[in-house]
Every structure is written in C-alpha cells, then in structure tokens.
Amino acid sequence: MTQIHEYLSEYEQDGSLSINLHRIRVNEEDIATYEIATMDSKVGPILILIRPIARFVSGAEGRVDIHRRGRPFEDYRVMLLHMRLEGQAYPPTWCIQFPLEIASRLEPLHPAIPGTRRVTPLNKGTFEQAIEFLLK
C-alpha cells in the first residue's frame, strides 16, 4: 500500500483524486484472521478499491485486487501478485496482471514474462495504466 500511495501521491497533491487508507479483517484458512491495510481512491464520483485478497495463492506469495466499485468482475479487475519470477534464489517482486482484453493490447509495450502468468512488473507506469483502464 505504501508503494501504491507513492504512485498516486502527485495526483492526490494536485486534487485529481483522494485517498482513504484503512484496515480490514481478512480470514485465510491456513493463517487465520488478521487485519491488513487497504486503500480506496476516489476520482470524481468513481471509487477505486484496492484490497489485499490473500497471502498464499497459487503461483504467488500474495494477491491484491484493484477494481472499480460496482465492477468486481474478472473482466474489470486488475491483480497485483507478489511472485518469484526467476526461481527461489531471487526475492519475490510485485507484478501486475491485467484482464485478458487489455493485456493483449499492452503486450507490445509490456511483454509477458516467460514461464509465468501473463504479468508485467509493477511500476508507476503500469499502475497508472491500470487506473486509466478502471476509470473507463
């Protein structure tokens, strides 16, 4: 959430959006119930929800979903995945997974990483593209 807040800070400072940080309770079978930071970003009348989903997911070591309020469906959801892209010797890194429709249009700009889900490394540019997609 800290990194995402940094990506959005210039837009928050110029008044383009507002950010609300709060905590939610998550219940995971293998871990139990815990509290975790979450974020809402309001752009005009549109609310973008940024929600941690799970610490342990298939093929990743954490998942955060980003979607527009009222559109939680897979075709409108962007996922952040904490993944090991180059084997166990390397630390996990945050990647972004767009819905298939937009991922195919972005591939020339952001090639898929071989041997992984169709993800690209998370950075300010890819995060801004996710927000633009969710605002449409």
C-alpha atoms as a PDB file:
ATOM      1  CA  MET A   1       0.000   0.000   0.000  1.00  0.00           C
ATOM      2  CA  THR A   2       2.920   2.322   0.672  1.00  0.00           C
ATOM      3  CA  GLN A   3       4.222   1.934  -2.888  1.00  0.00           C
ATOM      4  CA  ILE A   4       0.760   2.444  -4.403  1.00  0.00           C
ATOM      5  CA  HIS A   5       0.272   5.538  -2.256  1.00  0.00           C
ATOM      6  CA  GLU A   6       3.581   6.882  -3.607  1.00  0.00           C
ATOM      7  CA  TYR A   7       2.435   6.222  -7.191  1.00  0.00           C
ATOM      8  CA  LEU A   8      -0.749   8.207  -6.530  1.00  0.00           C
ATOM      9  CA  SER A   9       0.717  10.969  -4.348  1.00  0.00           C
ATOM     10  CA  GLU A  10       1.184  13.545  -7.125  1.00  0.00           C
ATOM     11  CA  TYR A  11      -2.473  13.120  -8.144  1.00  0.00           C
ATOM     12  CA  GLU A  12      -3.563  13.422  -4.520  1.00  0.00           C
ATOM     13  CA  GLN A  13      -1.481  16.601  -4.120  1.00  0.00           C
ATOM     14  CA  ASP A  14      -2.951  18.255  -7.224  1.00  0.00           C
ATOM     15  CA  GLY A  15      -6.508  17.325  -6.153  1.00  0.00           C
ATOM     16  CA  SER A  16      -7.176  14.884  -9.018  1.00  0.00           C
ATOM     17  CA  LEU A  17      -8.044  12.143  -6.535  1.00  0.00           C
ATOM     18  CA  SER A  18      -8.400  11.478  -2.847  1.00  0.00           C
ATOM     19  CA  ILE A  19      -7.059   8.511  -0.935  1.00  0.00           C
ATOM     20  CA  ASN A  20      -8.538   6.810   2.111  1.00  0.00           C
ATOM     21  CA  LEU A  21      -6.329   4.305   3.936  1.00  0.00           C
ATOM     22  CA  HIS A  22      -7.964   1.963   6.433  1.00  0.00           C
ATOM     23  CA  ARG A  23      -7.718  -1.579   7.761  1.00  0.00           C
ATOM     24  CA  ILE A  24      -9.885  -4.608   7.065  1.00  0.00           C
ATOM     25  CA  ARG A  25     -10.088  -8.092   8.531  1.00  0.00           C
ATOM     26  CA  VAL A  26      -9.130 -10.962   6.230  1.00  0.00           C
ATOM     27  CA  ASN A  27      -9.819 -14.607   7.042  1.00  0.00           C
ATOM     28  CA  GLU A  28      -7.459 -17.102   5.405  1.00  0.00           C
ATOM     29  CA  GLU A  29      -7.857 -20.783   6.161  1.00  0.00           C
ATOM     30  CA  ASP A  30      -4.143 -21.547   6.574  1.00  0.00           C
ATOM     31  CA  ILE A  31      -3.290 -18.382   8.525  1.00  0.00           C
ATOM     32  CA  ALA A  32      -6.429 -17.424  10.480  1.00  0.00           C
ATOM     33  CA  THR A  33      -7.971 -13.964  10.701  1.00  0.00           C
ATOM     34  CA  TYR A  34      -5.783 -10.865  10.591  1.00  0.00           C
ATOM     35  CA  GLU A  35      -6.015  -7.138   9.905  1.00  0.00           C
ATOM     36  CA  ILE A  36      -4.351  -5.575   6.891  1.00  0.00           C
ATOM     37  CA  ALA A  37      -4.104  -2.169   5.244  1.00  0.00           C
ATOM     38  CA  THR A  38      -6.386  -1.375   2.334  1.00  0.00           C
ATOM     39  CA  MET A  39      -6.987   1.690   0.203  1.00  0.00           C
ATOM     40  CA  ASP A  40      -9.821   3.468  -1.580  1.00  0.00           C
ATOM     41  CA  SER A  41      -9.080   6.088  -4.202  1.00  0.00           C
ATOM     42  CA  LYS A  42     -11.824   8.451  -5.311  1.00  0.00           C
ATOM     43  CA  VAL A  43     -11.600  10.112  -8.709  1.00  0.00           C
ATOM     44  CA  GLY A  44     -14.630  12.377  -9.073  1.00  0.00           C
ATOM     45  CA  PRO A  45     -17.638  10.120  -8.486  1.00  0.00           C
ATOM     46  CA  ILE A  46     -15.666   6.905  -9.177  1.00  0.00           C
ATOM     47  CA  LEU A  47     -14.299   4.844  -6.291  1.00  0.00           C
ATOM     48  CA  ILE A  48     -11.353   2.508  -6.971  1.00  0.00           C
ATOM     49  CA  LEU A  49     -10.980  -0.235  -4.334  1.00  0.00           C
ATOM     50  CA  ILE A  50      -7.531  -1.688  -3.611  1.00  0.00           C
ATOM     51  CA  ARG A  51      -7.949  -4.817  -1.494  1.00  0.00           C
ATOM     52  CA  PRO A  52      -5.483  -7.440  -0.285  1.00  0.00           C
ATOM     53  CA  ILE A  53      -7.082 -10.813  -1.015  1.00  0.00           C
ATOM     54  CA  ALA A  54      -4.688 -13.486   0.223  1.00  0.00           C
ATOM     55  CA  ARG A  55      -1.156 -14.065   1.430  1.00  0.00           C
ATOM     56  CA  PHE A  56      -0.936 -17.508  -0.187  1.00  0.00           C
ATOM     57  CA  VAL A  57      -2.261 -18.025  -3.712  1.00  0.00           C
ATOM     58  CA  SER A  58      -1.358 -20.462  -6.460  1.00  0.00           C
ATOM     59  CA  GLY A  59       1.826 -19.284  -8.187  1.00  0.00           C
ATOM     60  CA  ALA A  60       2.294 -16.216  -5.980  1.00  0.00           C
ATOM     61  CA  GLU A  61       3.072 -15.152  -2.433  1.00  0.00           C
ATOM     62  CA  GLY A  62       0.341 -12.560  -2.142  1.00  0.00           C
ATOM     63  CA  ARG A  63      -2.520 -11.052  -4.121  1.00  0.00           C
ATOM     64  CA  VAL A  64      -4.130  -7.609  -4.148  1.00  0.00           C
ATOM     65  CA  ASP A  65      -7.203  -6.893  -6.278  1.00  0.00           C
ATOM     66  CA  ILE A  66      -7.979  -3.488  -7.757  1.00  0.00           C
ATOM     67  CA  HIS A  67     -11.403  -2.776  -9.167  1.00  0.00           C
ATOM     68  CA  ARG A  68     -13.946  -0.040  -9.577  1.00  0.00           C
ATOM     69  CA  ARG A  69     -16.804  -0.112  -7.054  1.00  0.00           C
ATOM     70  CA  GLY A  70     -19.716  -1.885  -8.703  1.00  0.00           C
ATOM     71  CA  ARG A  71     -17.430  -3.768 -11.150  1.00  0.00           C
ATOM     72  CA  PRO A  72     -15.708  -6.570  -9.195  1.00  0.00           C
ATOM     73  CA  PHE A  73     -15.939  -8.983 -12.129  1.00  0.00           C
ATOM     74  CA  GLU A  74     -12.860 -10.616 -13.637  1.00  0.00           C
ATOM     75  CA  ASP A  75     -13.112  -8.608 -16.878  1.00  0.00           C
ATOM     76  CA  TYR A  76     -12.818  -5.374 -14.869  1.00  0.00           C
ATOM     77  CA  ARG A  77     -10.327  -6.448 -12.189  1.00  0.00           C
ATOM     78  CA  VAL A  78      -6.588  -5.830 -12.114  1.00  0.00           C
ATOM     79  CA  MET A  79      -4.499  -8.071  -9.868  1.00  0.00           C
ATOM     80  CA  LEU A  80      -1.203  -7.390  -8.166  1.00  0.00           C
ATOM     81  CA  LEU A  81       0.747 -10.585  -7.493  1.00  0.00           C
ATOM     82  CA  HIS A  82       3.822 -10.961  -5.301  1.00  0.00           C
ATOM     83  CA  MET A  83       5.823 -13.509  -7.303  1.00  0.00           C
ATOM     84  CA  ARG A  84       9.236 -15.082  -7.653  1.00  0.00           C
ATOM     85  CA  LEU A  85       9.982 -14.550 -11.323  1.00  0.00           C
ATOM     86  CA  GLU A  86      13.421 -16.115 -11.520  1.00  0.00           C
ATOM     87  CA  GLY A  87      13.361 -19.031  -9.085  1.00  0.00           C
ATOM     88  CA  GLN A  88      13.763 -19.491  -5.353  1.00  0.00           C
ATOM     89  CA  ALA A  89      17.160 -17.759  -5.215  1.00  0.00           C
ATOM     90  CA  TYR A  90      15.549 -14.418  -6.079  1.00  0.00           C
ATOM     91  CA  PRO A  91      13.239 -12.417  -3.840  1.00  0.00           C
ATOM     92  CA  PRO A  92       9.591 -12.035  -4.817  1.00  0.00           C
ATOM     93  CA  THR A  93       8.572  -8.886  -6.652  1.00  0.00           C
ATOM     94  CA  TRP A  94       5.192  -7.244  -7.257  1.00  0.00           C
ATOM     95  CA  CYS A  95       3.736  -7.791 -10.717  1.00  0.00           C
ATOM     96  CA  ILE A  96       0.529  -6.600 -12.314  1.00  0.00           C
ATOM     97  CA  GLN A  97      -1.939  -8.783 -14.207  1.00  0.00           C
ATOM     98  CA  PHE A  98      -4.455  -7.030 -16.434  1.00  0.00           C
ATOM     99  CA  PRO A  99      -7.695  -8.604 -17.685  1.00  0.00           C
ATOM    100  CA  LEU A 100      -7.098 -10.541 -20.908  1.00  0.00           C
ATOM    101  CA  GLU A 101      -8.780  -7.910 -23.091  1.00  0.00           C
ATOM    102  CA  ILE A 102      -6.376  -5.158 -22.074  1.00  0.00           C
ATOM    103  CA  ALA A 103      -3.350  -7.440 -21.611  1.00  0.00           C
ATOM    104  CA  SER A 104      -3.370  -8.371 -25.294  1.00  0.00           C
ATOM    105  CA  ARG A 105      -3.341  -4.668 -26.236  1.00  0.00           C
ATOM    106  CA  LEU A 106      -0.480  -3.908 -23.822  1.00  0.00           C
ATOM    107  CA  GLU A 107       1.736  -6.830 -24.729  1.00  0.00           C
ATOM    108  CA  PRO A 108       3.855  -4.917 -27.276  1.00  0.00           C
ATOM    109  CA  LEU A 109       4.619  -2.331 -24.580  1.00  0.00           C
ATOM    110  CA  HIS A 110       4.902  -4.822 -21.728  1.00  0.00           C
ATOM    111  CA  PRO A 111       5.907  -8.299 -22.921  1.00  0.00           C
ATOM    112  CA  ALA A 112       4.783 -11.190 -20.753  1.00  0.00           C
ATOM    113  CA  ILE A 113       7.487 -12.700 -18.580  1.00  0.00           C
ATOM    114  CA  PRO A 114       8.242 -16.220 -19.917  1.00  0.00           C
ATOM    115  CA  GLY A 115       7.125 -19.099 -17.706  1.00  0.00           C
ATOM    116  CA  THR A 116       4.753 -17.024 -15.586  1.00  0.00           C
ATOM    117  CA  ARG A 117       1.175 -15.865 -15.652  1.00  0.00           C
ATOM    118  CA  ARG A 118       0.603 -13.019 -18.125  1.00  0.00           C
ATOM    119  CA  VAL A 119       2.072 -10.444 -15.782  1.00  0.00           C
ATOM    120  CA  THR A 120       4.392  -7.487 -16.068  1.00  0.00           C
ATOM    121  CA  PRO A 121       6.463  -5.877 -13.339  1.00  0.00           C
ATOM    122  CA  LEU A 122       4.572  -3.339 -11.264  1.00  0.00           C
ATOM    123  CA  ASN A 123       5.847   0.196 -11.646  1.00  0.00           C
ATOM    124  CA  LYS A 124       4.290   3.650 -11.714  1.00  0.00           C
ATOM    125  CA  GLY A 125       3.556   3.437 -15.449  1.00  0.00           C
ATOM    126  CA  THR A 126       1.814   0.053 -15.323  1.00  0.00           C
ATOM    127  CA  PHE A 127      -0.134   1.117 -12.231  1.00  0.00           C
ATOM    128  CA  GLU A 128      -1.289   4.315 -13.960  1.00  0.00           C
ATOM    129  CA  GLN A 129      -2.424   2.201 -16.929  1.00  0.00           C
ATOM    130  CA  ALA A 130      -4.457   0.062 -14.526  1.00  0.00           C
ATOM    131  CA  ILE A 131      -6.170   3.120 -13.042  1.00  0.00           C
ATOM    132  CA  GLU A 132      -6.900   4.513 -16.522  1.00  0.00           C
ATOM    133  CA  PHE A 133      -8.440   1.165 -17.518  1.00  0.00           C
ATOM    134  CA  LEU A 134     -10.608   1.108 -14.381  1.00  0.00           C
ATOM    135  CA  LEU A 135     -11.817   4.682 -14.919  1.00  0.00           C
ATOM    136  CA  LYS A 136     -13.228   3.888 -18.395  1.00  0.00           C
END
